[in-house]
Amino acid sequence: MAYRPDPDLEILSKASNEDLLLLADVLMYSDEKHRKKQSRRFATTLHKDEKFTKCYPSNLHLMWESIAEEIQKFGGNSAANLLCRLNKGVLYREILIDACKLQKVKNVDFKKDSTSNIENAFLEKVIIVTIEKMTEAEKRELLDGLRNIKEFSDIIKSKQFCNDVLYEIVGYAFKAGGFKAFIFVSQLVNAISKAITGQAIAIATNFAITRSIASFFSGPAGWAFMAVITVISFLDPNKDACLKAVAIVAYIRHKNQLIYHR
């Protein structure tokens, strides 16, 4: 197979090595246990790429197109790739829309909305379902963590705990965009990283991270987000890889927008 030029995946050329490493590991391994044993997903071929030995794990920017190709490959049935697409994978937008349909995302126009808007609809739905799966204690920890972050102080103020308050905050964050949405998106990807590598993502050093936000990432509220793994994990390994990859690509896009549009 070969990488299909895809404007929606060109963002990977601007990604940090850390983010590309997580993306590559998600495509190759289903969880931390398999990663430690070097037991790769059956369908993955990324490790067979001629650049892999030289680039993995420290110079992945030199093979971002190979990682993008792997995403495209996971997005389509291998037989269909061979017979109908001349051994080429699926463009990212189609993969994203399939991910949205798996999560039953509504209130989005798949034909007219931008890729970033569709990504946000996907992320918002995943986060809402993740919160639904949290225990009452975890939800309270999440609200308390958000209450201490100045970006949310205006909307939370002295509101008492209830599920609707948390859903309102998530909707507010994605409507406002920017760093407010990034806080939630980072928590989602942080949970994926813990599940796949056993390690949290490094909090972006090029942002003014306050102590309250750092605490939000490392404290009980951060661990509550581990529920996201049950939301985006599928028995079908291709779908499992695609859902996690979409979340990480969307995270990379959010981070890039914050860096270059502050």
Protein backbone atom coordinates (compact mmCIF):
# COMPACT_ATOMS: atom_id res chain seq x y z
CA MET A 1 0.00 0.00 0.00
CA ALA A 2 0.95 3.62 -0.38
CA TYR A 3 -0.02 6.79 1.42
CA ARG A 4 -2.84 8.67 -0.27
CA PRO A 5 -2.20 12.42 -0.15
CA ASP A 6 -4.68 13.65 2.43
CA PRO A 7 -4.91 17.30 3.57
CA ASP A 8 -6.59 16.21 6.81
CA LEU A 9 -3.58 14.11 7.79
CA GLU A 10 -0.90 16.62 6.83
CA ILE A 11 -1.18 17.95 10.38
CA LEU A 12 0.98 14.96 11.37
CA SER A 13 3.95 16.65 9.68
CA LYS A 14 3.77 19.29 12.44
CA ALA A 15 3.28 16.87 15.34
CA SER A 16 5.81 16.36 18.12
CA ASN A 17 7.73 13.10 18.30
CA GLU A 18 5.91 12.30 21.54
CA ASP A 19 2.50 12.57 19.85
CA LEU A 20 3.60 10.58 16.80
CA LEU A 21 5.01 7.90 19.11
CA LEU A 22 1.69 7.54 20.91
CA LEU A 23 -0.12 7.39 17.57
CA ALA A 24 2.27 4.75 16.24
CA ASP A 25 1.91 2.68 19.42
CA VAL A 26 -1.90 2.86 19.24
CA LEU A 27 -1.75 1.55 15.69
CA MET A 28 0.62 -1.28 16.64
CA TYR A 29 -0.60 -2.33 20.11
CA SER A 30 -4.00 -2.82 21.70
CA ASP A 31 -2.87 -2.11 25.28
CA GLU A 32 0.12 -1.75 27.61
CA LYS A 33 0.45 -5.50 28.20
CA HIS A 34 0.77 -6.23 24.48
CA ARG A 35 3.18 -3.32 24.05
CA LYS A 36 5.48 -4.69 26.75
CA LYS A 37 5.44 -8.11 25.08
CA GLN A 38 5.89 -6.55 21.63
CA SER A 39 2.74 -8.40 20.61
CA ARG A 40 1.44 -6.27 17.75
CA ARG A 41 -2.00 -5.97 16.24
CA PHE A 42 -2.54 -8.61 13.56
CA ALA A 43 -3.23 -6.08 10.80
CA THR A 44 -0.40 -3.66 11.52
CA THR A 45 2.48 -3.35 9.07
CA LEU A 46 4.04 -0.14 10.36
CA HIS A 47 6.98 -2.00 11.92
CA LYS A 48 7.78 -3.46 8.49
CA ASP A 49 8.29 -0.02 6.95
CA GLU A 50 11.86 0.46 5.72
CA LYS A 51 12.16 3.66 7.79
CA PHE A 52 10.89 2.12 11.01
CA THR A 53 14.15 0.81 12.47
CA LYS A 54 15.90 4.14 11.99
CA CYS A 55 12.98 6.36 13.06
CA TYR A 56 11.25 4.52 15.90
CA PRO A 57 11.01 5.73 18.61
CA SER A 58 12.96 9.01 18.45
CA ASN A 59 12.72 10.40 14.90
CA LEU A 60 9.18 9.70 13.84
CA HIS A 61 8.80 13.06 12.07
CA LEU A 62 10.82 11.45 9.29
CA MET A 63 8.11 8.83 8.71
CA TRP A 64 4.88 10.71 9.44
CA GLU A 65 3.54 9.72 6.02
CA SER A 66 4.01 6.05 6.89
CA ILE A 67 2.02 6.57 10.09
CA ALA A 68 -0.68 8.39 8.10
CA GLU A 69 -0.73 5.49 5.62
CA GLU A 70 -1.24 3.05 8.50
CA ILE A 71 -4.27 5.05 9.68
CA GLN A 72 -5.71 4.95 6.16
CA LYS A 73 -5.12 1.21 5.98
CA PHE A 74 -6.89 0.52 9.27
CA GLY A 75 -9.80 2.63 8.04
CA GLY A 76 -10.69 0.21 5.27
CA ASN A 77 -11.24 -3.50 4.93
CA SER A 78 -8.03 -5.03 3.56
CA ALA A 79 -9.85 -6.92 0.79
CA ALA A 80 -11.64 -3.75 -0.26
CA ASN A 81 -8.32 -1.88 -0.23
CA LEU A 82 -6.84 -4.46 -2.57
CA LEU A 83 -9.74 -4.92 -4.96
CA CYS A 84 -11.57 -1.59 -5.01
CA ARG A 85 -8.98 1.02 -4.07
CA LEU A 86 -5.92 -0.26 -5.92
CA ASN A 87 -4.33 -1.31 -2.63
CA LYS A 88 -4.79 2.13 -1.10
CA GLY A 89 -6.45 2.94 2.18
CA VAL A 90 -9.28 5.24 3.18
CA LEU A 91 -8.99 9.01 3.47
CA TYR A 92 -9.11 10.35 7.01
CA ARG A 93 -12.42 12.16 6.65
CA GLU A 94 -14.17 8.88 5.83
CA ILE A 95 -12.50 7.22 8.81
CA LEU A 96 -13.62 10.12 11.04
CA ILE A 97 -17.21 9.89 9.83
CA ASP A 98 -17.22 6.12 10.45
CA ALA A 99 -15.92 6.80 13.97
CA CYS A 100 -18.75 9.28 14.53
CA LYS A 101 -21.32 6.75 13.36
CA LEU A 102 -19.90 4.13 15.73
CA GLN A 103 -20.35 6.60 18.58
CA LYS A 104 -23.78 7.69 17.28
CA VAL A 105 -22.73 11.33 16.99
CA LYS A 106 -25.57 13.67 16.06
CA ASN A 107 -25.95 17.40 15.36
CA VAL A 108 -23.27 17.36 12.68
CA ASP A 109 -23.46 17.58 8.90
CA PHE A 110 -20.99 15.05 7.49
CA LYS A 111 -21.23 16.55 4.00
CA LYS A 112 -20.88 20.25 4.83
CA ASP A 113 -19.07 20.59 8.17
CA SER A 114 -15.30 20.99 8.29
CA THR A 115 -13.14 18.13 9.41
CA SER A 116 -12.22 19.96 12.63
CA ASN A 117 -15.92 20.55 13.43
CA ILE A 118 -16.69 16.87 12.89
CA GLU A 119 -13.71 15.94 15.09
CA ASN A 120 -15.04 18.20 17.83
CA ALA A 121 -18.48 16.58 17.61
CA PHE A 122 -16.81 13.18 17.94
CA LEU A 123 -14.66 14.27 20.89
CA GLU A 124 -17.56 15.95 22.69
CA LYS A 125 -19.71 12.84 22.36
CA VAL A 126 -16.92 10.56 23.60
CA ILE A 127 -16.32 12.80 26.61
CA ILE A 128 -20.03 12.97 27.45
CA VAL A 129 -20.35 9.17 27.29
CA THR A 130 -17.18 8.86 29.37
CA ILE A 131 -18.71 11.06 32.07
CA GLU A 132 -21.86 8.95 31.98
CA LYS A 133 -19.76 5.89 32.79
CA MET A 134 -18.06 7.52 35.78
CA THR A 135 -19.16 6.79 39.31
CA GLU A 136 -20.87 9.54 41.29
CA ALA A 137 -17.65 10.02 43.29
CA GLU A 138 -15.60 10.39 40.09
CA LYS A 139 -18.05 12.92 38.70
CA ARG A 140 -17.77 14.98 41.86
CA GLU A 141 -13.98 14.83 41.66
CA LEU A 142 -14.21 16.00 38.05
CA LEU A 143 -16.45 18.95 38.92
CA ASP A 144 -14.22 19.93 41.84
CA GLY A 145 -11.18 19.78 39.58
CA LEU A 146 -12.86 21.98 36.96
CA ARG A 147 -14.07 24.41 39.63
CA ASN A 148 -10.44 25.21 40.45
CA ILE A 149 -9.55 26.08 36.86
CA LYS A 150 -10.07 29.75 36.05
CA GLU A 151 -11.15 28.97 32.47
CA PHE A 152 -14.32 27.42 33.90
CA SER A 153 -14.88 29.53 37.01
CA ASP A 154 -17.45 31.81 35.31
CA ILE A 155 -19.74 28.99 34.23
CA ILE A 156 -19.41 26.83 37.34
CA LYS A 157 -19.31 29.50 40.08
CA SER A 158 -21.22 28.05 43.03
CA LYS A 159 -23.28 25.50 41.11
CA GLN A 160 -24.12 22.34 42.97
CA PHE A 161 -23.21 18.94 41.62
CA CYS A 162 -25.44 17.26 39.07
CA ASN A 163 -24.84 15.47 35.80
CA ASP A 164 -26.35 18.28 33.76
CA VAL A 165 -23.76 20.73 35.10
CA LEU A 166 -20.92 18.56 33.81
CA TYR A 167 -22.57 18.15 30.40
CA GLU A 168 -23.12 21.91 30.27
CA ILE A 169 -19.43 22.53 30.98
CA VAL A 170 -18.34 20.13 28.22
CA GLY A 171 -20.70 21.79 25.72
CA TYR A 172 -19.47 25.21 26.80
CA ALA A 173 -15.82 24.16 26.38
CA PHE A 174 -16.26 22.90 22.82
CA LYS A 175 -18.39 25.88 21.83
CA ALA A 176 -15.73 28.25 23.17
CA GLY A 177 -12.90 26.20 21.67
CA GLY A 178 -9.28 27.08 22.27
CA PHE A 179 -7.70 26.13 25.57
CA LYS A 180 -11.04 25.29 27.20
CA ALA A 181 -11.69 22.49 24.72
CA PHE A 182 -8.03 21.47 24.79
CA ILE A 183 -8.23 20.73 28.53
CA PHE A 184 -10.86 18.05 27.89
CA VAL A 185 -9.24 16.72 24.71
CA SER A 186 -5.91 16.38 26.54
CA GLN A 187 -7.56 14.40 29.32
CA LEU A 188 -9.07 12.03 26.77
CA VAL A 189 -5.72 11.41 25.06
CA ASN A 190 -4.01 11.23 28.45
CA ALA A 191 -6.24 8.26 29.28
CA ILE A 192 -5.40 6.58 25.97
CA SER A 193 -1.69 7.07 26.64
CA LYS A 194 -1.97 5.52 30.12
CA ALA A 195 -3.82 2.52 28.68
CA ILE A 196 -1.36 1.92 25.82
CA THR A 197 2.01 2.99 27.24
CA GLY A 198 1.39 3.09 30.99
CA GLN A 199 2.49 6.72 31.03
CA ALA A 200 0.70 10.05 31.00
CA ILE A 201 1.29 12.55 28.23
CA ALA A 202 3.63 15.40 29.06
CA ILE A 203 1.68 18.58 29.72
CA ALA A 204 2.56 20.97 26.90
CA THR A 205 5.45 23.13 28.08
CA ASN A 206 4.72 25.87 25.55
CA PHE A 207 1.44 26.75 27.26
CA ALA A 208 1.03 28.68 30.49
CA ILE A 209 -0.04 25.69 32.59
CA THR A 210 -1.27 26.75 36.00
CA ARG A 211 -0.88 24.63 39.12
CA SER A 212 -4.63 24.00 39.14
CA ILE A 213 -4.57 22.58 35.61
CA ALA A 214 -1.52 20.43 36.39
CA SER A 215 -3.39 19.09 39.42
CA PHE A 216 -6.44 18.43 37.26
CA PHE A 217 -4.33 16.23 34.98
CA SER A 218 -2.57 14.24 37.69
CA GLY A 219 -5.26 14.13 40.37
CA PRO A 220 -8.42 12.02 40.83
CA ALA A 221 -10.23 13.86 38.02
CA GLY A 222 -7.54 12.75 35.61
CA TRP A 223 -7.84 9.12 36.66
CA ALA A 224 -11.62 9.32 36.32
CA PHE A 225 -11.09 9.85 32.60
CA MET A 226 -9.73 6.31 32.30
CA ALA A 227 -13.39 5.40 31.73
CA VAL A 228 -12.88 6.65 28.17
CA ILE A 229 -11.08 3.41 27.32
CA THR A 230 -14.32 1.48 27.68
CA VAL A 231 -16.03 4.01 25.41
CA ILE A 232 -13.62 3.84 22.48
CA SER A 233 -12.49 0.21 22.72
CA PHE A 234 -13.98 -2.32 20.28
CA LEU A 235 -13.59 -6.03 19.82
CA ASP A 236 -12.96 -5.32 16.14
CA PRO A 237 -9.23 -4.43 16.20
CA ASN A 238 -9.45 -2.19 13.14
CA LYS A 239 -12.24 -0.11 14.66
CA ASP A 240 -10.42 -0.02 17.99
CA ALA A 241 -7.28 1.35 16.34
CA CYS A 242 -9.24 3.85 14.24
CA LEU A 243 -11.21 5.34 17.15
CA LYS A 244 -8.08 5.90 19.22
CA ALA A 245 -6.17 7.24 16.21
CA VAL A 246 -8.94 9.74 15.41
CA ALA A 247 -8.84 11.02 18.99
CA ILE A 248 -5.06 11.50 18.80
CA VAL A 249 -5.12 13.18 15.37
CA ALA A 250 -7.81 15.56 16.65
CA TYR A 251 -5.68 16.25 19.73
CA ILE A 252 -2.68 17.06 17.53
CA ARG A 253 -4.84 19.46 15.51
CA HIS A 254 -6.08 21.18 18.68
CA LYS A 255 -2.53 21.53 19.99
CA ASN A 256 -1.29 22.91 16.68
CA GLN A 257 -4.05 25.52 16.59
CA LEU A 258 -3.16 26.66 20.10
CA ILE A 259 0.53 26.95 19.25
CA TYR A 260 0.11 28.91 16.03
CA HIS A 261 -3.05 30.91 16.75
CA ARG A 262 -2.51 32.24 20.24
